[in-house]
Amino acid sequence: MANGVIPRSVYHRTAYRYHYSMDADHEGRIGSTVAGDRGNLSGRYLVGFLCRRNSTGCPN
């Protein structure tokens, strides 16, 4: 996901689960994607923050 780009789909190629939200303080959480998952997003969201699950500062 590129900064400032509204994604329409997700293709997740790492071994971790990622959470994404509209703000860096995890407000406006959009969703999460598990390892190896892909699909289209149901809305038009500007992703402001992306974090790997279980990393420091990222919600579980």
PDB file of N, CA and C in Angstrom:
ATOM      1  N   MET A   1       0.844  -1.166   0.000  1.00  0.00           N
ATOM      2  CA  MET A   1       0.000   0.000   0.000  1.00  0.00           C
ATOM      3  C   MET A   1       0.891   1.232   0.000  1.00  0.00           C
ATOM      4  N   ALA A   2       0.675   2.079  -0.927  1.00  0.00           N
ATOM      5  CA  ALA A   2       1.468   3.300  -1.038  1.00  0.00           C
ATOM      6  C   ALA A   2       0.794   4.444  -0.302  1.00  0.00           C
ATOM      7  N   ASN A   3       1.592   5.314   0.283  1.00  0.00           N
ATOM      8  CA  ASN A   3       1.082   6.449   1.021  1.00  0.00           C
ATOM      9  C   ASN A   3       0.284   7.375   0.105  1.00  0.00           C
ATOM     10  N   GLY A   4      -0.926   7.722   0.501  1.00  0.00           N
ATOM     11  CA  GLY A   4      -1.762   8.632  -0.261  1.00  0.00           C
ATOM     12  C   GLY A   4      -2.554   7.985  -1.384  1.00  0.00           C
ATOM     13  N   VAL A   5      -2.453   6.681  -1.537  1.00  0.00           N
ATOM     14  CA  VAL A   5      -3.163   5.971  -2.592  1.00  0.00           C
ATOM     15  C   VAL A   5      -4.359   5.229  -1.990  1.00  0.00           C
ATOM     16  N   ILE A   6      -5.504   5.319  -2.637  1.00  0.00           N
ATOM     17  CA  ILE A   6      -6.689   4.593  -2.184  1.00  0.00           C
ATOM     18  C   ILE A   6      -6.661   3.196  -2.807  1.00  0.00           C
ATOM     19  N   PRO A   7      -6.400   2.158  -1.997  1.00  0.00           N
ATOM     20  CA  PRO A   7      -6.323   0.807  -2.550  1.00  0.00           C
ATOM     21  C   PRO A   7      -7.705   0.255  -2.890  1.00  0.00           C
ATOM     22  N   ARG A   8      -7.769  -0.566  -3.906  1.00  0.00           N
ATOM     23  CA  ARG A   8      -9.013  -1.226  -4.286  1.00  0.00           C
ATOM     24  C   ARG A   8      -8.969  -2.716  -3.997  1.00  0.00           C
ATOM     25  N   SER A   9      -7.757  -3.233  -3.867  1.00  0.00           N
ATOM     26  CA  SER A   9      -7.611  -4.655  -3.559  1.00  0.00           C
ATOM     27  C   SER A   9      -6.343  -4.874  -2.745  1.00  0.00           C
ATOM     28  N   VAL A  10      -6.237  -6.061  -2.168  1.00  0.00           N
ATOM     29  CA  VAL A  10      -5.090  -6.427  -1.338  1.00  0.00           C
ATOM     30  C   VAL A  10      -4.574  -7.778  -1.798  1.00  0.00           C
ATOM     31  N   TYR A  11      -3.259  -7.884  -1.949  1.00  0.00           N
ATOM     32  CA  TYR A  11      -2.613  -9.166  -2.195  1.00  0.00           C
ATOM     33  C   TYR A  11      -1.444  -9.234  -1.226  1.00  0.00           C
ATOM     34  N   HIS A  12      -1.584 -10.021  -0.189  1.00  0.00           N
ATOM     35  CA  HIS A  12      -0.658 -10.045   0.930  1.00  0.00           C
ATOM     36  C   HIS A  12       0.329 -11.187   0.757  1.00  0.00           C
ATOM     37  N   ARG A  13       1.605 -10.859   0.599  1.00  0.00           N
ATOM     38  CA  ARG A  13       2.620 -11.868   0.278  1.00  0.00           C
ATOM     39  C   ARG A  13       3.627 -12.139   1.389  1.00  0.00           C
ATOM     40  N   THR A  14       3.338 -11.735   2.621  1.00  0.00           N
ATOM     41  CA  THR A  14       4.279 -12.016   3.709  1.00  0.00           C
ATOM     42  C   THR A  14       3.726 -13.117   4.611  1.00  0.00           C
ATOM     43  N   ALA A  15       4.493 -13.479   5.625  1.00  0.00           N
ATOM     44  CA  ALA A  15       4.076 -14.536   6.552  1.00  0.00           C
ATOM     45  C   ALA A  15       3.375 -13.971   7.790  1.00  0.00           C
ATOM     46  N   TYR A  16       3.058 -12.679   7.801  1.00  0.00           N
ATOM     47  CA  TYR A  16       2.464 -12.032   8.964  1.00  0.00           C
ATOM     48  C   TYR A  16       1.069 -11.500   8.663  1.00  0.00           C
ATOM     49  N   ARG A  17       0.306 -11.269   9.726  1.00  0.00           N
ATOM     50  CA  ARG A  17      -0.987 -10.601   9.596  1.00  0.00           C
ATOM     51  C   ARG A  17      -0.755  -9.098   9.736  1.00  0.00           C
ATOM     52  N   TYR A  18      -1.365  -8.301   8.882  1.00  0.00           N
ATOM     53  CA  TYR A  18      -1.239  -6.850   8.945  1.00  0.00           C
ATOM     54  C   TYR A  18      -2.592  -6.211   9.213  1.00  0.00           C
ATOM     55  N   HIS A  19      -2.576  -5.165  10.045  1.00  0.00           N
ATOM     56  CA  HIS A  19      -3.753  -4.342  10.312  1.00  0.00           C
ATOM     57  C   HIS A  19      -3.559  -3.018   9.596  1.00  0.00           C
ATOM     58  N   TYR A  20      -4.639  -2.441   9.105  1.00  0.00           N
ATOM     59  CA  TYR A  20      -4.544  -1.119   8.495  1.00  0.00           C
ATOM     60  C   TYR A  20      -5.692  -0.248   8.984  1.00  0.00           C
ATOM     61  N   SER A  21      -5.367   1.029   9.149  1.00  0.00           N
ATOM     62  CA  SER A  21      -6.338   1.981   9.684  1.00  0.00           C
ATOM     63  C   SER A  21      -6.167   3.335   9.011  1.00  0.00           C
ATOM     64  N   MET A  22      -7.094   4.229   9.294  1.00  0.00           N
ATOM     65  CA  MET A  22      -7.042   5.560   8.701  1.00  0.00           C
ATOM     66  C   MET A  22      -6.044   6.465   9.414  1.00  0.00           C
ATOM     67  N   ASP A  23      -5.770   6.217  10.705  1.00  0.00           N
ATOM     68  CA  ASP A  23      -4.899   7.070  11.502  1.00  0.00           C
ATOM     69  C   ASP A  23      -3.813   6.256  12.195  1.00  0.00           C
ATOM     70  N   ALA A  24      -2.685   6.904  12.493  1.00  0.00           N
ATOM     71  CA  ALA A  24      -1.561   6.236  13.148  1.00  0.00           C
ATOM     72  C   ALA A  24      -1.877   5.775  14.562  1.00  0.00           C
ATOM     73  N   ASP A  25      -2.896   6.355  15.201  1.00  0.00           N
ATOM     74  CA  ASP A  25      -3.259   5.925  16.556  1.00  0.00           C
ATOM     75  C   ASP A  25      -4.303   4.809  16.524  1.00  0.00           C
ATOM     76  N   HIS A  26      -4.450   4.165  15.382  1.00  0.00           N
ATOM     77  CA  HIS A  26      -5.343   3.023  15.157  1.00  0.00           C
ATOM     78  C   HIS A  26      -6.826   3.391  15.194  1.00  0.00           C
ATOM     79  N   GLU A  27      -7.139   4.685  15.160  1.00  0.00           N
ATOM     80  CA  GLU A  27      -8.533   5.105  15.048  1.00  0.00           C
ATOM     81  C   GLU A  27      -8.973   4.885  13.607  1.00  0.00           C
ATOM     82  N   GLY A  28     -10.206   4.580  13.417  1.00  0.00           N
ATOM     83  CA  GLY A  28     -10.721   4.356  12.067  1.00  0.00           C
ATOM     84  C   GLY A  28     -10.156   3.107  11.422  1.00  0.00           C
ATOM     85  N   ARG A  29     -10.034   2.053  12.217  1.00  0.00           N
ATOM     86  CA  ARG A  29      -9.479   0.812  11.682  1.00  0.00           C
ATOM     87  C   ARG A  29     -10.316   0.317  10.510  1.00  0.00           C
ATOM     88  N   ILE A  30      -9.641   0.008   9.432  1.00  0.00           N
ATOM     89  CA  ILE A  30     -10.303  -0.444   8.209  1.00  0.00           C
ATOM     90  C   ILE A  30     -10.412  -1.960   8.194  1.00  0.00           C
ATOM     91  N   GLY A  31      -9.341  -2.642   8.590  1.00  0.00           N
ATOM     92  CA  GLY A  31      -9.379  -4.092   8.587  1.00  0.00           C
ATOM     93  C   GLY A  31      -8.017  -4.702   8.772  1.00  0.00           C
ATOM     94  N   SER A  32      -7.913  -5.957   8.438  1.00  0.00           N
ATOM     95  CA  SER A  32      -6.635  -6.663   8.513  1.00  0.00           C
ATOM     96  C   SER A  32      -6.613  -7.751   7.447  1.00  0.00           C
ATOM     97  N   THR A  33      -5.406  -8.171   7.124  1.00  0.00           N
ATOM     98  CA  THR A  33      -5.228  -9.182   6.090  1.00  0.00           C
ATOM     99  C   THR A  33      -4.259 -10.237   6.592  1.00  0.00           C
ATOM    100  N   VAL A  34      -4.644 -11.490   6.507  1.00  0.00           N
ATOM    101  CA  VAL A  34      -3.786 -12.590   6.951  1.00  0.00           C
ATOM    102  C   VAL A  34      -2.784 -12.954   5.862  1.00  0.00           C
ATOM    103  N   ALA A  35      -1.753 -13.672   6.255  1.00  0.00           N
ATOM    104  CA  ALA A  35      -0.705 -14.092   5.326  1.00  0.00           C
ATOM    105  C   ALA A  35      -1.289 -14.867   4.142  1.00  0.00           C
ATOM    106  N   GLY A  36      -0.870 -14.515   2.960  1.00  0.00           N
ATOM    107  CA  GLY A  36      -1.282 -15.210   1.758  1.00  0.00           C
ATOM    108  C   GLY A  36      -2.667 -14.879   1.246  1.00  0.00           C
ATOM    109  N   ASP A  37      -3.366 -13.955   1.903  1.00  0.00           N
ATOM    110  CA  ASP A  37      -4.733 -13.626   1.511  1.00  0.00           C
ATOM    111  C   ASP A  37      -4.749 -12.564   0.410  1.00  0.00           C
ATOM    112  N   ARG A  38      -5.803 -12.525  -0.350  1.00  0.00           N
ATOM    113  CA  ARG A  38      -5.999 -11.481  -1.362  1.00  0.00           C
ATOM    114  C   ARG A  38      -7.480 -11.275  -1.584  1.00  0.00           C
ATOM    115  N   GLY A  39      -7.812 -10.120  -2.076  1.00  0.00           N
ATOM    116  CA  GLY A  39      -9.211  -9.834  -2.349  1.00  0.00           C
ATOM    117  C   GLY A  39      -9.456  -8.358  -2.580  1.00  0.00           C
ATOM    118  N   ASN A  40     -10.674  -8.021  -2.927  1.00  0.00           N
ATOM    119  CA  ASN A  40     -11.064  -6.644  -3.172  1.00  0.00           C
ATOM    120  C   ASN A  40     -11.588  -6.018  -1.890  1.00  0.00           C
ATOM    121  N   LEU A  41     -11.383  -4.724  -1.724  1.00  0.00           N
ATOM    122  CA  LEU A  41     -11.890  -4.004  -0.568  1.00  0.00           C
ATOM    123  C   LEU A  41     -13.295  -3.513  -0.876  1.00  0.00           C
ATOM    124  N   SER A  42     -14.140  -3.485   0.146  1.00  0.00           N
ATOM    125  CA  SER A  42     -15.547  -3.145  -0.069  1.00  0.00           C
ATOM    126  C   SER A  42     -15.809  -1.650  -0.155  1.00  0.00           C
ATOM    127  N   GLY A  43     -14.865  -0.818   0.266  1.00  0.00           N
ATOM    128  CA  GLY A  43     -15.071   0.624   0.237  1.00  0.00           C
ATOM    129  C   GLY A  43     -13.884   1.339  -0.365  1.00  0.00           C
ATOM    130  N   ARG A  44     -13.933   2.654  -0.316  1.00  0.00           N
ATOM    131  CA  ARG A  44     -12.812   3.470  -0.796  1.00  0.00           C
ATOM    132  C   ARG A  44     -12.218   4.174   0.412  1.00  0.00           C
ATOM    133  N   TYR A  45     -11.087   3.675   0.895  1.00  0.00           N
ATOM    134  CA  TYR A  45     -10.451   4.175   2.100  1.00  0.00           C
ATOM    135  C   TYR A  45      -9.043   4.643   1.790  1.00  0.00           C
ATOM    136  N   LEU A  46      -8.650   5.730   2.411  1.00  0.00           N
ATOM    137  CA  LEU A  46      -7.266   6.169   2.346  1.00  0.00           C
ATOM    138  C   LEU A  46      -6.559   5.586   3.566  1.00  0.00           C
ATOM    139  N   VAL A  47      -5.655   4.660   3.351  1.00  0.00           N
ATOM    140  CA  VAL A  47      -4.947   4.002   4.450  1.00  0.00           C
ATOM    141  C   VAL A  47      -3.876   4.946   4.978  1.00  0.00           C
ATOM    142  N   GLY A  48      -3.954   5.247   6.276  1.00  0.00           N
ATOM    143  CA  GLY A  48      -2.991   6.143   6.889  1.00  0.00           C
ATOM    144  C   GLY A  48      -1.942   5.424   7.706  1.00  0.00           C
ATOM    145  N   PHE A  49      -2.211   4.158   8.074  1.00  0.00           N
ATOM    146  CA  PHE A  49      -1.281   3.428   8.933  1.00  0.00           C
ATOM    147  C   PHE A  49      -1.388   1.937   8.663  1.00  0.00           C
ATOM    148  N   LEU A  50      -0.253   1.281   8.617  1.00  0.00           N
ATOM    149  CA  LEU A  50      -0.170  -0.155   8.371  1.00  0.00           C
ATOM    150  C   LEU A  50       0.796  -0.732   9.402  1.00  0.00           C
ATOM    151  N   CYS A  51       0.396  -1.779  10.112  1.00  0.00           N
ATOM    152  CA  CYS A  51       1.312  -2.368  11.092  1.00  0.00           C
ATOM    153  C   CYS A  51       1.185  -3.888  11.105  1.00  0.00           C
ATOM    154  N   ARG A  52       2.302  -4.532  11.472  1.00  0.00           N
ATOM    155  CA  ARG A  52       2.330  -5.985  11.548  1.00  0.00           C
ATOM    156  C   ARG A  52       1.816  -6.429  12.907  1.00  0.00           C
ATOM    157  N   ARG A  53       0.921  -7.368  12.925  1.00  0.00           N
ATOM    158  CA  ARG A  53       0.340  -7.873  14.171  1.00  0.00           C
ATOM    159  C   ARG A  53       1.436  -8.363  15.116  1.00  0.00           C
ATOM    160  N   ASN A  54       1.239  -8.097  16.401  1.00  0.00           N
ATOM    161  CA  ASN A  54       2.143  -8.478  17.489  1.00  0.00           C
ATOM    162  C   ASN A  54       3.446  -7.683  17.500  1.00  0.00           C
ATOM    163  N   SER A  55       3.596  -6.673  16.650  1.00  0.00           N
ATOM    164  CA  SER A  55       4.761  -5.820  16.751  1.00  0.00           C
ATOM    165  C   SER A  55       4.471  -4.715  17.762  1.00  0.00           C
ATOM    166  N   THR A  56       5.468  -4.051  18.244  1.00  0.00           N
ATOM    167  CA  THR A  56       5.300  -3.010  19.249  1.00  0.00           C
ATOM    168  C   THR A  56       4.379  -1.905  18.736  1.00  0.00           C
ATOM    169  N   GLY A  57       3.370  -1.583  19.528  1.00  0.00           N
ATOM    170  CA  GLY A  57       2.461  -0.511  19.177  1.00  0.00           C
ATOM    171  C   GLY A  57       1.333  -0.889  18.250  1.00  0.00           C
ATOM    172  N   CYS A  58       1.287  -2.119  17.826  1.00  0.00           N
ATOM    173  CA  CYS A  58       0.219  -2.560  16.922  1.00  0.00           C
ATOM    174  C   CYS A  58      -0.814  -3.364  17.717  1.00  0.00           C
ATOM    175  N   PRO A  59      -2.102  -3.066  17.532  1.00  0.00           N
ATOM    176  CA  PRO A  59      -3.112  -3.824  18.259  1.00  0.00           C
ATOM    177  C   PRO A  59      -3.164  -5.276  17.777  1.00  0.00           C
ATOM    178  N   ASN A  60      -3.554  -6.151  18.657  1.00  0.00           N
ATOM    179  CA  ASN A  60      -3.699  -7.559  18.288  1.00  0.00           C
ATOM    180  C   ASN A  60      -5.062  -7.776  17.726  1.00  0.00           C
TER     181      ASN A  60
END
